[in-house]
Amino acid sequence: TDALDLLDQSTEELEKNLADIEETNRKVRANLDKQKAEEDAKQY
């Protein structure tokens, strides 16, 4: 009876969200690197 109504939840969406975060952060890091390089060039 206890096991009859059990329903496993999927982590697929969370895994997808984690992958999306990493891709987004990769873009953010790239943008930060470009902004830093432009600021360095301006200062020099």
All heavy atoms as atom14 arrays in JSON, in Angstrom:
{
  "sequence": "TDALDLLDQSTEELEKNLADIEETNRKVRANLDKQKAEEDAKQY",
  "atom14_mask": [
    [1, 1, 1, 1, 1, 1, 1, 0, 0, 0, 0, 0, 0, 0],
    [1, 1, 1, 1, 1, 1, 1, 1, 0, 0, 0, 0, 0, 0],
    [1, 1, 1, 1, 1, 0, 0, 0, 0, 0, 0, 0, 0, 0],
    [1, 1, 1, 1, 1, 1, 1, 1, 0, 0, 0, 0, 0, 0],
    [1, 1, 1, 1, 1, 1, 1, 1, 0, 0, 0, 0, 0, 0],
    [1, 1, 1, 1, 1, 1, 1, 1, 0, 0, 0, 0, 0, 0],
    [1, 1, 1, 1, 1, 1, 1, 1, 0, 0, 0, 0, 0, 0],
    [1, 1, 1, 1, 1, 1, 1, 1, 0, 0, 0, 0, 0, 0],
    [1, 1, 1, 1, 1, 1, 1, 1, 1, 0, 0, 0, 0, 0],
    [1, 1, 1, 1, 1, 1, 0, 0, 0, 0, 0, 0, 0, 0],
    [1, 1, 1, 1, 1, 1, 1, 0, 0, 0, 0, 0, 0, 0],
    [1, 1, 1, 1, 1, 1, 1, 1, 1, 0, 0, 0, 0, 0],
    [1, 1, 1, 1, 1, 1, 1, 1, 1, 0, 0, 0, 0, 0],
    [1, 1, 1, 1, 1, 1, 1, 1, 0, 0, 0, 0, 0, 0],
    [1, 1, 1, 1, 1, 1, 1, 1, 1, 0, 0, 0, 0, 0],
    [1, 1, 1, 1, 1, 1, 1, 1, 1, 0, 0, 0, 0, 0],
    [1, 1, 1, 1, 1, 1, 1, 1, 0, 0, 0, 0, 0, 0],
    [1, 1, 1, 1, 1, 1, 1, 1, 0, 0, 0, 0, 0, 0],
    [1, 1, 1, 1, 1, 0, 0, 0, 0, 0, 0, 0, 0, 0],
    [1, 1, 1, 1, 1, 1, 1, 1, 0, 0, 0, 0, 0, 0],
    [1, 1, 1, 1, 1, 1, 1, 1, 0, 0, 0, 0, 0, 0],
    [1, 1, 1, 1, 1, 1, 1, 1, 1, 0, 0, 0, 0, 0],
    [1, 1, 1, 1, 1, 1, 1, 1, 1, 0, 0, 0, 0, 0],
    [1, 1, 1, 1, 1, 1, 1, 0, 0, 0, 0, 0, 0, 0],
    [1, 1, 1, 1, 1, 1, 1, 1, 0, 0, 0, 0, 0, 0],
    [1, 1, 1, 1, 1, 1, 1, 1, 1, 1, 1, 0, 0, 0],
    [1, 1, 1, 1, 1, 1, 1, 1, 1, 0, 0, 0, 0, 0],
    [1, 1, 1, 1, 1, 1, 1, 0, 0, 0, 0, 0, 0, 0],
    [1, 1, 1, 1, 1, 1, 1, 1, 1, 1, 1, 0, 0, 0],
    [1, 1, 1, 1, 1, 0, 0, 0, 0, 0, 0, 0, 0, 0],
    [1, 1, 1, 1, 1, 1, 1, 1, 0, 0, 0, 0, 0, 0],
    [1, 1, 1, 1, 1, 1, 1, 1, 0, 0, 0, 0, 0, 0],
    [1, 1, 1, 1, 1, 1, 1, 1, 0, 0, 0, 0, 0, 0],
    [1, 1, 1, 1, 1, 1, 1, 1, 1, 0, 0, 0, 0, 0],
    [1, 1, 1, 1, 1, 1, 1, 1, 1, 0, 0, 0, 0, 0],
    [1, 1, 1, 1, 1, 1, 1, 1, 1, 0, 0, 0, 0, 0],
    [1, 1, 1, 1, 1, 0, 0, 0, 0, 0, 0, 0, 0, 0],
    [1, 1, 1, 1, 1, 1, 1, 1, 1, 0, 0, 0, 0, 0],
    [1, 1, 1, 1, 1, 1, 1, 1, 1, 0, 0, 0, 0, 0],
    [1, 1, 1, 1, 1, 1, 1, 1, 0, 0, 0, 0, 0, 0],
    [1, 1, 1, 1, 1, 0, 0, 0, 0, 0, 0, 0, 0, 0],
    [1, 1, 1, 1, 1, 1, 1, 1, 1, 0, 0, 0, 0, 0],
    [1, 1, 1, 1, 1, 1, 1, 1, 1, 0, 0, 0, 0, 0],
    [1, 1, 1, 1, 1, 1, 1, 1, 1, 1, 1, 1, 0, 0]
  ],
  "atom14_positions": [
    [[0.84, -1.21, 0.0], [0.0, 0.0, 0.0], [0.87, 1.26, 0.0], [0.62, 2.24, -0.72], [-0.92, 0.0, 1.23], [-1.77, -1.16, 1.19], [-1.77, 1.26, 1.26], [0.0, 0.0, 0.0], [0.0, 0.0, 0.0], [0.0, 0.0, 0.0], [0.0, 0.0, 0.0], [0.0, 0.0, 0.0], [0.0, 0.0, 0.0], [0.0, 0.0, 0.0]],
    [[1.93, 1.21, 0.85], [2.83, 2.37, 0.91], [3.54, 2.61, -0.43], [3.75, 3.76, -0.86], [3.89, 2.17, 2.01], [3.26, 2.27, 3.4], [2.15, 2.82, 3.48], [3.89, 1.81, 4.37], [0.0, 0.0, 0.0], [0.0, 0.0, 0.0], [0.0, 0.0, 0.0], [0.0, 0.0, 0.0], [0.0, 0.0, 0.0], [0.0, 0.0, 0.0]],
    [[3.9, 1.5, -1.08], [4.67, 1.64, -2.32], [3.8, 1.92, -3.53], [4.29, 2.35, -4.58], [5.5, 0.38, -2.56], [0.0, 0.0, 0.0], [0.0, 0.0, 0.0], [0.0, 0.0, 0.0], [0.0, 0.0, 0.0], [0.0, 0.0, 0.0], [0.0, 0.0, 0.0], [0.0, 0.0, 0.0], [0.0, 0.0, 0.0], [0.0, 0.0, 0.0]],
    [[2.5, 1.7, -3.39], [1.61, 1.8, -4.55], [1.54, 3.24, -5.1], [1.52, 3.46, -6.31], [0.21, 1.31, -4.16], [-0.81, 1.27, -5.3], [-0.35, 0.29, -6.38], [-2.18, 0.84, -4.75], [0.0, 0.0, 0.0], [0.0, 0.0, 0.0], [0.0, 0.0, 0.0], [0.0, 0.0, 0.0], [0.0, 0.0, 0.0], [0.0, 0.0, 0.0]],
    [[1.49, 4.22, -4.19], [1.3, 5.62, -4.64], [2.62, 6.39, -4.79], [2.61, 7.62, -4.98], [0.43, 6.35, -3.6], [-0.97, 5.75, -3.52], [-1.43, 5.23, -4.56], [-1.57, 5.8, -2.43], [0.0, 0.0, 0.0], [0.0, 0.0, 0.0], [0.0, 0.0, 0.0], [0.0, 0.0, 0.0], [0.0, 0.0, 0.0], [0.0, 0.0, 0.0]],
    [[3.74, 5.69, -4.65], [5.03, 6.4, -4.79], [5.25, 6.87, -6.24], [4.96, 6.16, -7.19], [6.18, 5.49, -4.37], [6.21, 5.08, -2.88], [7.36, 4.11, -2.62], [6.32, 6.32, -2.01], [0.0, 0.0, 0.0], [0.0, 0.0, 0.0], [0.0, 0.0, 0.0], [0.0, 0.0, 0.0], [0.0, 0.0, 0.0], [0.0, 0.0, 0.0]],
    [[5.81, 8.1, -6.4], [6.06, 8.66, -7.75], [7.44, 9.33, -7.75], [7.68, 10.29, -7.02], [4.99, 9.69, -8.11], [5.16, 10.35, -9.49], [5.06, 9.29, -10.59], [4.11, 11.43, -9.7], [0.0, 0.0, 0.0], [0.0, 0.0, 0.0], [0.0, 0.0, 0.0], [0.0, 0.0, 0.0], [0.0, 0.0, 0.0], [0.0, 0.0, 0.0]],
    [[8.37, 8.8, -8.52], [9.71, 9.39, -8.61], [9.68, 10.72, -9.4], [8.95, 10.85, -10.38], [10.69, 8.44, -9.32], [11.0, 7.24, -8.43], [10.72, 7.31, -7.22], [11.54, 6.24, -8.96], [0.0, 0.0, 0.0], [0.0, 0.0, 0.0], [0.0, 0.0, 0.0], [0.0, 0.0, 0.0], [0.0, 0.0, 0.0], [0.0, 0.0, 0.0]],
    [[10.47, 11.69, -8.91], [10.57, 12.99, -9.6], [11.8, 13.01, -10.53], [12.82, 12.42, -10.22], [10.7, 14.14, -8.59], [9.49, 14.26, -7.67], [9.66, 15.44, -6.72], [10.29, 16.42, -7.05], [9.05, 15.32, -5.54], [0.0, 0.0, 0.0], [0.0, 0.0, 0.0], [0.0, 0.0, 0.0], [0.0, 0.0, 0.0], [0.0, 0.0, 0.0]],
    [[11.69, 13.73, -11.62], [12.77, 13.8, -12.61], [13.72, 14.98, -12.3], [13.28, 16.05, -11.89], [12.19, 13.98, -14.01], [13.22, 14.18, -14.95], [0.0, 0.0, 0.0], [0.0, 0.0, 0.0], [0.0, 0.0, 0.0], [0.0, 0.0, 0.0], [0.0, 0.0, 0.0], [0.0, 0.0, 0.0], [0.0, 0.0, 0.0], [0.0, 0.0, 0.0]],
    [[15.02, 14.74, -12.47], [16.02, 15.83, -12.32], [16.46, 16.37, -13.68], [17.4, 17.17, -13.76], [17.26, 15.29, -11.58], [17.88, 14.25, -12.36], [16.89, 14.76, -10.21], [0.0, 0.0, 0.0], [0.0, 0.0, 0.0], [0.0, 0.0, 0.0], [0.0, 0.0, 0.0], [0.0, 0.0, 0.0], [0.0, 0.0, 0.0], [0.0, 0.0, 0.0]],
    [[15.79, 15.94, -14.7], [16.2, 16.34, -16.06], [16.18, 17.86, -16.24], [17.1, 18.47, -16.79], [15.3, 15.67, -17.09], [15.7, 16.04, -18.54], [14.81, 15.35, -19.56], [13.95, 14.54, -19.15], [14.98, 15.64, -20.75], [0.0, 0.0, 0.0], [0.0, 0.0, 0.0], [0.0, 0.0, 0.0], [0.0, 0.0, 0.0], [0.0, 0.0, 0.0]],
    [[15.14, 18.51, -15.75], [15.03, 19.96, -15.93], [16.12, 20.7, -15.15], [16.69, 21.68, -15.62], [13.64, 20.43, -15.46], [13.43, 21.93, -15.69], [12.03, 22.38, -15.31], [11.2, 21.51, -14.95], [11.78, 23.59, -15.39], [0.0, 0.0, 0.0], [0.0, 0.0, 0.0], [0.0, 0.0, 0.0], [0.0, 0.0, 0.0], [0.0, 0.0, 0.0]],
    [[16.38, 20.2, -13.9], [17.44, 20.83, -13.12], [18.8, 20.68, -13.78], [19.61, 21.63, -13.8], [17.49, 20.21, -11.72], [16.33, 20.59, -10.79], [16.41, 19.77, -9.51], [16.36, 22.07, -10.47], [0.0, 0.0, 0.0], [0.0, 0.0, 0.0], [0.0, 0.0, 0.0], [0.0, 0.0, 0.0], [0.0, 0.0, 0.0], [0.0, 0.0, 0.0]],
    [[19.03, 19.5, -14.33], [20.3, 19.29, -15.02], [20.42, 20.22, -16.22], [21.5, 20.76, -16.51], [20.42, 17.82, -15.46], [20.56, 16.87, -14.27], [20.46, 15.41, -14.69], [20.19, 15.18, -15.88], [20.67, 14.52, -13.84], [0.0, 0.0, 0.0], [0.0, 0.0, 0.0], [0.0, 0.0, 0.0], [0.0, 0.0, 0.0], [0.0, 0.0, 0.0]],
    [[19.29, 20.42, -16.91], [19.31, 21.34, -18.06], [19.59, 22.77, -17.59], [20.36, 23.52, -18.21], [17.97, 21.29, -18.78], [17.89, 22.23, -19.99], [16.55, 22.11, -20.69], [16.5, 23.06, -21.9], [16.72, 24.45, -21.53], [0.0, 0.0, 0.0], [0.0, 0.0, 0.0], [0.0, 0.0, 0.0], [0.0, 0.0, 0.0], [0.0, 0.0, 0.0]],
    [[18.95, 23.15, -16.45], [19.17, 24.5, -15.92], [20.62, 24.72, -15.51], [21.19, 25.79, -15.72], [18.24, 24.76, -14.73], [16.78, 24.87, -15.16], [16.49, 25.13, -16.33], [15.87, 24.67, -14.23], [0.0, 0.0, 0.0], [0.0, 0.0, 0.0], [0.0, 0.0, 0.0], [0.0, 0.0, 0.0], [0.0, 0.0, 0.0], [0.0, 0.0, 0.0]],
    [[21.22, 23.67, -14.9], [22.63, 23.77, -14.54], [23.51, 23.95, -15.77], [24.47, 24.74, -15.77], [23.06, 22.52, -13.76], [22.56, 22.41, -12.31], [22.88, 21.03, -11.75], [23.2, 23.51, -11.46], [0.0, 0.0, 0.0], [0.0, 0.0, 0.0], [0.0, 0.0, 0.0], [0.0, 0.0, 0.0], [0.0, 0.0, 0.0], [0.0, 0.0, 0.0]],
    [[23.21, 23.21, -16.81], [23.97, 23.35, -18.05], [23.8, 24.75, -18.64], [24.74, 25.36, -19.15], [23.53, 22.28, -19.06], [0.0, 0.0, 0.0], [0.0, 0.0, 0.0], [0.0, 0.0, 0.0], [0.0, 0.0, 0.0], [0.0, 0.0, 0.0], [0.0, 0.0, 0.0], [0.0, 0.0, 0.0], [0.0, 0.0, 0.0], [0.0, 0.0, 0.0]],
    [[22.56, 25.29, -18.56], [22.31, 26.64, -19.07], [23.09, 27.68, -18.27], [23.61, 28.66, -18.84], [20.81, 26.96, -19.0], [20.01, 26.13, -20.01], [20.64, 25.59, -20.94], [18.78, 26.05, -19.84], [0.0, 0.0, 0.0], [0.0, 0.0, 0.0], [0.0, 0.0, 0.0], [0.0, 0.0, 0.0], [0.0, 0.0, 0.0], [0.0, 0.0, 0.0]],
    [[23.17, 27.48, -16.94], [23.92, 28.42, -16.11], [25.39, 28.45, -16.51], [26.01, 29.51, -16.63], [23.77, 28.05, -14.62], [22.38, 28.44, -14.12], [24.84, 28.75, -13.77], [22.13, 28.06, -12.68], [0.0, 0.0, 0.0], [0.0, 0.0, 0.0], [0.0, 0.0, 0.0], [0.0, 0.0, 0.0], [0.0, 0.0, 0.0], [0.0, 0.0, 0.0]],
    [[25.95, 27.28, -16.72], [27.36, 27.22, -17.1], [27.61, 27.92, -18.43], [28.59, 28.65, -18.59], [27.82, 25.75, -17.17], [29.31, 25.59, -17.46], [30.19, 26.3, -16.47], [29.8, 26.38, -15.28], [31.24, 26.82, -16.88], [0.0, 0.0, 0.0], [0.0, 0.0, 0.0], [0.0, 0.0, 0.0], [0.0, 0.0, 0.0], [0.0, 0.0, 0.0]],
    [[26.73, 27.72, -19.37], [26.87, 28.39, -20.68], [26.73, 29.89, -20.53], [27.48, 30.68, -21.12], [25.82, 27.84, -21.65], [25.78, 28.54, -23.01], [27.06, 28.4, -23.78], [27.87, 27.51, -23.44], [27.28, 29.19, -24.72], [0.0, 0.0, 0.0], [0.0, 0.0, 0.0], [0.0, 0.0, 0.0], [0.0, 0.0, 0.0], [0.0, 0.0, 0.0]],
    [[25.75, 30.3, -19.68], [25.57, 31.74, -19.45], [26.79, 32.34, -18.78], [27.27, 33.42, -19.17], [24.33, 31.98, -18.58], [23.16, 31.47, -19.25], [24.13, 33.47, -18.32], [0.0, 0.0, 0.0], [0.0, 0.0, 0.0], [0.0, 0.0, 0.0], [0.0, 0.0, 0.0], [0.0, 0.0, 0.0], [0.0, 0.0, 0.0], [0.0, 0.0, 0.0]],
    [[27.3, 31.63, -17.78], [28.49, 32.14, -17.08], [29.7, 32.19, -18.01], [30.56, 33.07, -17.87], [28.8, 31.27, -15.87], [27.84, 31.52, -14.72], [27.14, 32.54, -14.71], [27.78, 30.61, -13.78], [0.0, 0.0, 0.0], [0.0, 0.0, 0.0], [0.0, 0.0, 0.0], [0.0, 0.0, 0.0], [0.0, 0.0, 0.0], [0.0, 0.0, 0.0]],
    [[29.79, 31.27, -18.94], [30.89, 31.32, -19.91], [30.83, 32.6, -20.73], [31.84, 33.27, -20.97], [30.83, 30.09, -20.83], [31.98, 30.01, -21.83], [31.79, 28.87, -22.82], [30.65, 29.15, -23.69], [30.72, 29.96, -24.76], [31.85, 30.58, -25.05], [29.66, 30.16, -25.51], [0.0, 0.0, 0.0], [0.0, 0.0, 0.0], [0.0, 0.0, 0.0]],
    [[29.6, 32.96, -21.12], [29.43, 34.2, -21.88], [29.76, 35.42, -21.02], [30.38, 36.38, -21.48], [28.0, 34.29, -22.41], [27.67, 33.24, -23.46], [26.23, 33.38, -23.93], [25.86, 32.35, -24.99], [24.47, 32.5, -25.44], [0.0, 0.0, 0.0], [0.0, 0.0, 0.0], [0.0, 0.0, 0.0], [0.0, 0.0, 0.0], [0.0, 0.0, 0.0]],
    [[29.31, 35.37, -19.75], [29.58, 36.5, -18.85], [31.08, 36.68, -18.67], [31.6, 37.8, -18.71], [28.9, 36.27, -17.48], [29.36, 37.34, -16.48], [27.38, 36.34, -17.64], [0.0, 0.0, 0.0], [0.0, 0.0, 0.0], [0.0, 0.0, 0.0], [0.0, 0.0, 0.0], [0.0, 0.0, 0.0], [0.0, 0.0, 0.0], [0.0, 0.0, 0.0]],
    [[31.79, 35.54, -18.46], [33.25, 35.64, -18.3], [33.9, 36.22, -19.55], [34.83, 37.02, -19.47], [33.83, 34.26, -18.0], [33.44, 33.7, -16.63], [34.21, 32.42, -16.33], [33.72, 31.79, -15.12], [32.85, 30.79, -15.08], [32.37, 30.31, -16.23], [32.44, 30.28, -13.94], [0.0, 0.0, 0.0], [0.0, 0.0, 0.0], [0.0, 0.0, 0.0]],
    [[33.42, 35.79, -20.71], [33.97, 36.32, -21.97], [33.74, 37.82, -22.06], [34.63, 38.58, -22.46], [33.33, 35.61, -23.16], [0.0, 0.0, 0.0], [0.0, 0.0, 0.0], [0.0, 0.0, 0.0], [0.0, 0.0, 0.0], [0.0, 0.0, 0.0], [0.0, 0.0, 0.0], [0.0, 0.0, 0.0], [0.0, 0.0, 0.0], [0.0, 0.0, 0.0]],
    [[32.53, 38.26, -21.67], [32.23, 39.7, -21.71], [33.11, 40.47, -20.74], [33.61, 41.57, -21.04], [30.76, 39.95, -21.41], [29.85, 39.49, -22.54], [30.35, 39.09, -23.6], [28.56, 39.53, -22.33], [0.0, 0.0, 0.0], [0.0, 0.0, 0.0], [0.0, 0.0, 0.0], [0.0, 0.0, 0.0], [0.0, 0.0, 0.0], [0.0, 0.0, 0.0]],
    [[33.29, 39.9, -19.53], [34.13, 40.56, -18.54], [35.58, 40.66, -19.02], [36.25, 41.68, -18.81], [34.08, 39.8, -17.21], [32.72, 39.86, -16.47], [32.76, 38.94, -15.24], [32.37, 41.29, -16.06], [0.0, 0.0, 0.0], [0.0, 0.0, 0.0], [0.0, 0.0, 0.0], [0.0, 0.0, 0.0], [0.0, 0.0, 0.0], [0.0, 0.0, 0.0]],
    [[36.07, 39.58, -19.67], [37.43, 39.62, -20.2], [37.57, 40.7, -21.26], [38.58, 41.43, -21.3], [37.8, 38.26, -20.81], [38.0, 37.19, -19.74], [38.17, 37.57, -18.57], [37.97, 35.99, -20.09], [0.0, 0.0, 0.0], [0.0, 0.0, 0.0], [0.0, 0.0, 0.0], [0.0, 0.0, 0.0], [0.0, 0.0, 0.0], [0.0, 0.0, 0.0]],
    [[36.58, 40.82, -22.14], [36.63, 41.84, -23.19], [36.6, 43.25, -22.6], [37.36, 44.14, -23.0], [35.46, 41.65, -24.16], [35.46, 42.63, -25.34], [34.32, 42.35, -26.29], [34.34, 43.28, -27.48], [35.53, 43.05, -28.34], [0.0, 0.0, 0.0], [0.0, 0.0, 0.0], [0.0, 0.0, 0.0], [0.0, 0.0, 0.0], [0.0, 0.0, 0.0]],
    [[35.71, 43.44, -21.59], [35.63, 44.76, -20.96], [36.95, 45.11, -20.25], [37.41, 46.25, -20.28], [34.47, 44.78, -19.96], [33.09, 44.7, -20.65], [31.97, 44.46, -19.64], [32.22, 44.36, -18.44], [30.75, 44.33, -20.14], [0.0, 0.0, 0.0], [0.0, 0.0, 0.0], [0.0, 0.0, 0.0], [0.0, 0.0, 0.0], [0.0, 0.0, 0.0]],
    [[37.55, 44.09, -19.59], [38.84, 44.33, -18.92], [39.92, 44.69, -19.93], [40.72, 45.61, -19.7], [39.26, 43.07, -18.15], [40.61, 43.18, -17.42], [40.57, 44.23, -16.33], [41.77, 44.12, -15.4], [43.05, 44.23, -16.09], [0.0, 0.0, 0.0], [0.0, 0.0, 0.0], [0.0, 0.0, 0.0], [0.0, 0.0, 0.0], [0.0, 0.0, 0.0]],
    [[39.94, 43.97, -21.05], [40.94, 44.26, -22.08], [40.75, 45.66, -22.65], [41.72, 46.38, -22.87], [40.85, 43.21, -23.2], [0.0, 0.0, 0.0], [0.0, 0.0, 0.0], [0.0, 0.0, 0.0], [0.0, 0.0, 0.0], [0.0, 0.0, 0.0], [0.0, 0.0, 0.0], [0.0, 0.0, 0.0], [0.0, 0.0, 0.0], [0.0, 0.0, 0.0]],
    [[39.49, 46.05, -22.88], [39.23, 47.39, -23.4], [39.64, 48.46, -22.39], [40.2, 49.5, -22.75], [37.75, 47.53, -23.75], [37.33, 46.71, -24.96], [35.83, 46.75, -25.19], [35.1, 47.16, -24.26], [35.4, 46.39, -26.3], [0.0, 0.0, 0.0], [0.0, 0.0, 0.0], [0.0, 0.0, 0.0], [0.0, 0.0, 0.0], [0.0, 0.0, 0.0]],
    [[39.4, 48.21, -21.09], [39.79, 49.17, -20.06], [41.31, 49.29, -19.97], [41.86, 50.38, -19.83], [39.21, 48.73, -18.71], [39.53, 49.67, -17.55], [38.93, 51.06, -17.75], [37.91, 51.17, -18.47], [39.49, 52.02, -17.2], [0.0, 0.0, 0.0], [0.0, 0.0, 0.0], [0.0, 0.0, 0.0], [0.0, 0.0, 0.0], [0.0, 0.0, 0.0]],
    [[42.01, 48.11, -20.06], [43.48, 48.14, -20.06], [44.01, 48.95, -21.23], [44.92, 49.77, -21.08], [44.04, 46.71, -20.12], [43.84, 45.95, -18.82], [43.52, 46.61, -17.8], [43.99, 44.72, -18.83], [0.0, 0.0, 0.0], [0.0, 0.0, 0.0], [0.0, 0.0, 0.0], [0.0, 0.0, 0.0], [0.0, 0.0, 0.0], [0.0, 0.0, 0.0]],
    [[43.44, 48.71, -22.42], [43.87, 49.44, -23.61], [43.65, 50.93, -23.44], [44.5, 51.76, -23.81], [43.14, 48.93, -24.84], [0.0, 0.0, 0.0], [0.0, 0.0, 0.0], [0.0, 0.0, 0.0], [0.0, 0.0, 0.0], [0.0, 0.0, 0.0], [0.0, 0.0, 0.0], [0.0, 0.0, 0.0], [0.0, 0.0, 0.0], [0.0, 0.0, 0.0]],
    [[42.52, 51.31, -22.85], [42.21, 52.72, -22.64], [43.22, 53.36, -21.68], [43.72, 54.47, -21.92], [40.79, 52.86, -22.08], [40.38, 54.3, -21.78], [38.98, 54.35, -21.19], [38.59, 55.79, -20.81], [37.25, 55.84, -20.17], [0.0, 0.0, 0.0], [0.0, 0.0, 0.0], [0.0, 0.0, 0.0], [0.0, 0.0, 0.0], [0.0, 0.0, 0.0]],
    [[43.53, 52.65, -20.58], [44.47, 53.19, -19.59], [45.87, 53.38, -20.19], [46.52, 54.4, -19.96], [44.53, 52.27, -18.37], [43.25, 52.27, -17.53], [43.35, 51.33, -16.35], [44.37, 50.66, -16.15], [42.3, 51.25, -15.55], [0.0, 0.0, 0.0], [0.0, 0.0, 0.0], [0.0, 0.0, 0.0], [0.0, 0.0, 0.0], [0.0, 0.0, 0.0]],
    [[46.32, 52.39, -20.98], [47.64, 52.53, -21.59], [47.65, 53.63, -22.64], [48.65, 54.32, -22.83], [48.09, 51.2, -22.2], [48.68, 50.26, -21.18], [47.95, 49.2, -20.66], [49.99, 50.45, -20.72], [48.5, 48.34, -19.72], [50.54, 49.59, -19.78], [49.8, 48.54, -19.28], [50.34, 47.7, -18.35], [0.0, 0.0, 0.0], [0.0, 0.0, 0.0]]
  ]
}
